[in-house]
Amino acid sequence: MPRLKTFQAHLGFFDTVVAAPSQKAALEAWGSRQNLFHDGTARLATDEDAIKAALAKPGVVLKRLSGSSDPFVEQPALPEVSGKLRHKPSGKTEPAPKKPKRQPDRSKLDATKRALDALKQEREAIQMEFATRERELREEKAARERDFKRRETELRRDVEREQRALRSSR
């Protein structure tokens, strides 16, 4: 038989103890899907009475009410609750009339939204203006390039004509 260790955990209203070969086996006995040892909820048992009780029933989860010194058992008895009501309701009570909910002031939100819409329209107008100016500048650049090429062509012809004239005069 594997060597057993005793683990204890505080779960809900109960202190629990179980004798198991590993932490994984203890978690399975408790029915836990998370690692209770990681967050400190479960740990190795140090209480001698708890260790003796757990080793007497290996693999069985034993419980006792949290904070009590009762012995660990499989199904602890729940505390007695008196049947007396602390406060007797007095017949039928009328619910308090509901106050109509006050609508929050939306004026600042609405004003901010209008300002945002105005800003968007301003941006679109400026973008259209820039697009028009860019198109006009491209057209002007193209016209000036054509003019420079035409003038350059004329001047090159003049240079060639003058070079021919110079060669023929020699």
Protein backbone atom coordinates (compact mmCIF):
# COMPACT_ATOMS: atom_id res chain seq x y z
CA MET A 1 0.00 0.00 0.00
CA PRO A 2 1.40 3.47 -0.86
CA ARG A 3 2.51 5.71 1.94
CA LEU A 4 -0.33 8.02 3.01
CA LYS A 5 -0.10 11.69 3.85
CA THR A 6 -2.77 13.63 5.66
CA PHE A 7 -4.08 16.84 4.12
CA GLN A 8 -6.47 19.37 5.59
CA ALA A 9 -8.52 22.16 4.03
CA HIS A 10 -11.12 24.69 5.10
CA LEU A 11 -14.05 24.28 2.69
CA GLY A 12 -17.17 26.35 3.27
CA PHE A 13 -18.43 25.84 6.83
CA PHE A 14 -16.24 22.83 7.44
CA ASP A 15 -12.67 21.94 8.31
CA THR A 16 -11.88 18.80 6.30
CA VAL A 17 -9.15 16.19 6.45
CA VAL A 18 -8.25 13.28 4.17
CA ALA A 19 -5.51 10.67 4.09
CA ALA A 20 -4.23 10.22 0.54
CA PRO A 21 -1.00 9.22 -1.21
CA SER A 22 -0.63 12.59 -2.99
CA GLN A 23 -2.01 16.09 -3.26
CA LYS A 24 -3.68 15.09 -6.52
CA ALA A 25 -5.49 12.22 -4.80
CA ALA A 26 -6.58 14.55 -1.98
CA LEU A 27 -7.97 17.05 -4.49
CA GLU A 28 -9.89 14.24 -6.19
CA ALA A 29 -11.31 13.11 -2.82
CA TRP A 30 -12.47 16.67 -2.12
CA GLY A 31 -13.96 16.85 -5.64
CA SER A 32 -11.97 19.97 -6.48
CA ARG A 33 -11.03 20.95 -10.03
CA GLN A 34 -8.64 23.66 -8.89
CA ASN A 35 -5.41 23.34 -6.97
CA LEU A 36 -6.38 24.23 -3.40
CA PHE A 37 -2.76 23.82 -2.33
CA HIS A 38 -1.64 26.59 -4.64
CA ASP A 39 -3.82 29.27 -3.01
CA GLY A 40 -3.22 28.01 0.55
CA THR A 41 -6.73 26.63 1.14
CA ALA A 42 -5.30 23.12 1.59
CA ARG A 43 -2.07 22.00 3.26
CA LEU A 44 -0.46 19.10 5.10
CA ALA A 45 -2.31 18.38 8.33
CA THR A 46 -0.60 19.27 11.60
CA ASP A 47 -3.41 18.48 14.08
CA GLU A 48 -2.69 15.09 15.69
CA ASP A 49 -6.41 14.28 16.20
CA ALA A 50 -7.11 15.07 12.54
CA ILE A 51 -4.21 12.88 11.37
CA LYS A 52 -5.35 9.93 13.51
CA ALA A 53 -8.95 10.22 12.29
CA ALA A 54 -7.90 10.48 8.62
CA LEU A 55 -5.49 7.54 8.81
CA ALA A 56 -8.28 5.43 10.32
CA LYS A 57 -10.32 5.96 7.10
CA PRO A 58 -7.89 6.49 4.16
CA GLY A 59 -9.36 8.20 1.09
CA VAL A 60 -12.51 9.33 2.95
CA VAL A 61 -13.10 13.04 3.48
CA LEU A 62 -13.81 13.70 7.15
CA LYS A 63 -15.43 16.95 8.29
CA ARG A 64 -16.23 19.00 11.35
CA LEU A 65 -17.78 22.43 11.73
CA SER A 66 -15.20 25.13 11.20
CA GLY A 67 -13.61 26.34 14.39
CA SER A 68 -15.06 23.60 16.58
CA SER A 69 -13.11 20.99 18.50
CA ASP A 70 -15.56 18.21 17.64
CA PRO A 71 -14.08 15.00 16.25
CA PHE A 72 -13.78 14.60 12.49
CA VAL A 73 -16.61 12.46 11.05
CA GLU A 74 -17.89 11.60 7.57
CA GLN A 75 -21.17 13.55 7.88
CA PRO A 76 -21.10 16.03 10.78
CA ALA A 77 -24.35 17.02 12.45
CA LEU A 78 -25.45 20.52 11.61
CA PRO A 79 -26.05 22.98 14.45
CA GLU A 80 -29.54 23.17 15.93
CA VAL A 81 -31.58 26.15 14.76
CA SER A 82 -34.52 27.32 16.84
CA GLY A 83 -37.88 27.39 15.11
CA LYS A 84 -38.67 30.85 16.46
CA LEU A 85 -38.78 33.75 14.04
CA ARG A 86 -36.83 36.67 15.24
CA HIS A 87 -39.16 39.09 13.55
CA LYS A 88 -42.76 38.33 12.72
CA PRO A 89 -43.96 40.01 9.58
CA SER A 90 -47.08 42.04 10.24
CA GLY A 91 -49.68 40.90 7.72
CA LYS A 92 -49.62 42.29 4.26
CA THR A 93 -47.38 45.21 3.68
CA GLU A 94 -47.81 47.64 0.88
CA PRO A 95 -44.73 48.12 -1.21
CA ALA A 96 -43.40 51.63 -1.05
CA PRO A 97 -44.45 53.64 -4.07
CA LYS A 98 -41.70 53.68 -6.60
CA LYS A 99 -40.26 57.02 -7.36
CA PRO A 100 -39.95 57.70 -11.03
CA LYS A 101 -36.35 57.46 -12.06
CA ARG A 102 -34.87 60.79 -12.88
CA GLN A 103 -33.37 60.81 -16.30
CA PRO A 104 -29.71 61.79 -16.23
CA ASP A 105 -28.76 65.11 -17.78
CA ARG A 106 -27.64 64.37 -21.33
CA SER A 107 -27.05 67.99 -22.36
CA LYS A 108 -23.24 67.79 -22.04
CA LEU A 109 -23.14 64.50 -23.94
CA ASP A 110 -25.36 65.88 -26.71
CA ALA A 111 -23.28 69.07 -26.97
CA THR A 112 -20.07 67.04 -27.17
CA LYS A 113 -21.53 64.82 -29.90
CA ARG A 114 -22.60 67.90 -31.90
CA ALA A 115 -19.08 69.35 -31.52
CA LEU A 116 -17.60 66.04 -32.72
CA ASP A 117 -19.90 66.00 -35.77
CA ALA A 118 -18.96 69.61 -36.57
CA LEU A 119 -15.27 68.71 -36.30
CA LYS A 120 -15.74 65.77 -38.68
CA GLN A 121 -17.48 68.03 -41.23
CA GLU A 122 -14.70 70.61 -40.91
CA ARG A 123 -12.08 67.90 -41.47
CA GLU A 124 -13.90 66.66 -44.60
CA ALA A 125 -14.13 70.21 -46.00
CA ILE A 126 -10.42 70.82 -45.40
CA GLN A 127 -9.51 67.46 -46.95
CA MET A 128 -11.56 68.32 -50.04
CA GLU A 129 -9.86 71.73 -50.23
CA PHE A 130 -6.40 70.10 -49.97
CA ALA A 131 -7.34 67.54 -52.63
CA THR A 132 -8.41 70.34 -55.00
CA ARG A 133 -5.22 72.32 -54.33
CA GLU A 134 -3.08 69.19 -54.83
CA ARG A 135 -4.79 68.49 -58.18
CA GLU A 136 -4.25 72.12 -59.27
CA LEU A 137 -0.57 71.96 -58.24
CA ARG A 138 -0.07 68.69 -60.17
CA GLU A 139 -1.65 70.28 -63.24
CA GLU A 140 0.51 73.40 -62.90
CA LYS A 141 3.63 71.27 -62.44
CA ALA A 142 2.79 69.23 -65.54
CA ALA A 143 2.20 72.43 -67.59
CA ARG A 144 5.53 73.92 -66.44
CA GLU A 145 7.35 70.65 -67.22
CA ARG A 146 5.89 70.70 -70.75
CA ASP A 147 6.97 74.34 -71.14
CA PHE A 148 10.52 73.57 -69.89
CA LYS A 149 10.82 70.60 -72.24
CA ARG A 150 9.59 72.67 -75.18
CA ARG A 151 12.05 75.49 -74.39
CA GLU A 152 14.87 72.98 -73.77
CA THR A 153 14.18 71.31 -77.11
CA GLU A 154 14.26 74.69 -78.89
CA LEU A 155 17.52 75.70 -77.17
CA ARG A 156 19.15 72.34 -78.01
CA ARG A 157 18.19 72.83 -81.65
CA ASP A 158 19.69 76.34 -81.53
CA VAL A 159 22.90 74.95 -79.95
CA GLU A 160 23.16 72.26 -82.64
CA ARG A 161 22.52 74.81 -85.39
CA GLU A 162 25.19 77.14 -84.00
CA GLN A 163 27.68 74.24 -83.65
CA ARG A 164 27.06 73.21 -87.28
CA ALA A 165 27.50 76.81 -88.38
CA LEU A 166 30.76 77.04 -86.48
CA ARG A 167 32.07 73.79 -87.99
CA SER A 168 31.12 74.81 -91.48
CA SER A 169 32.87 78.17 -91.15
CA ARG A 170 36.25 76.59 -90.37
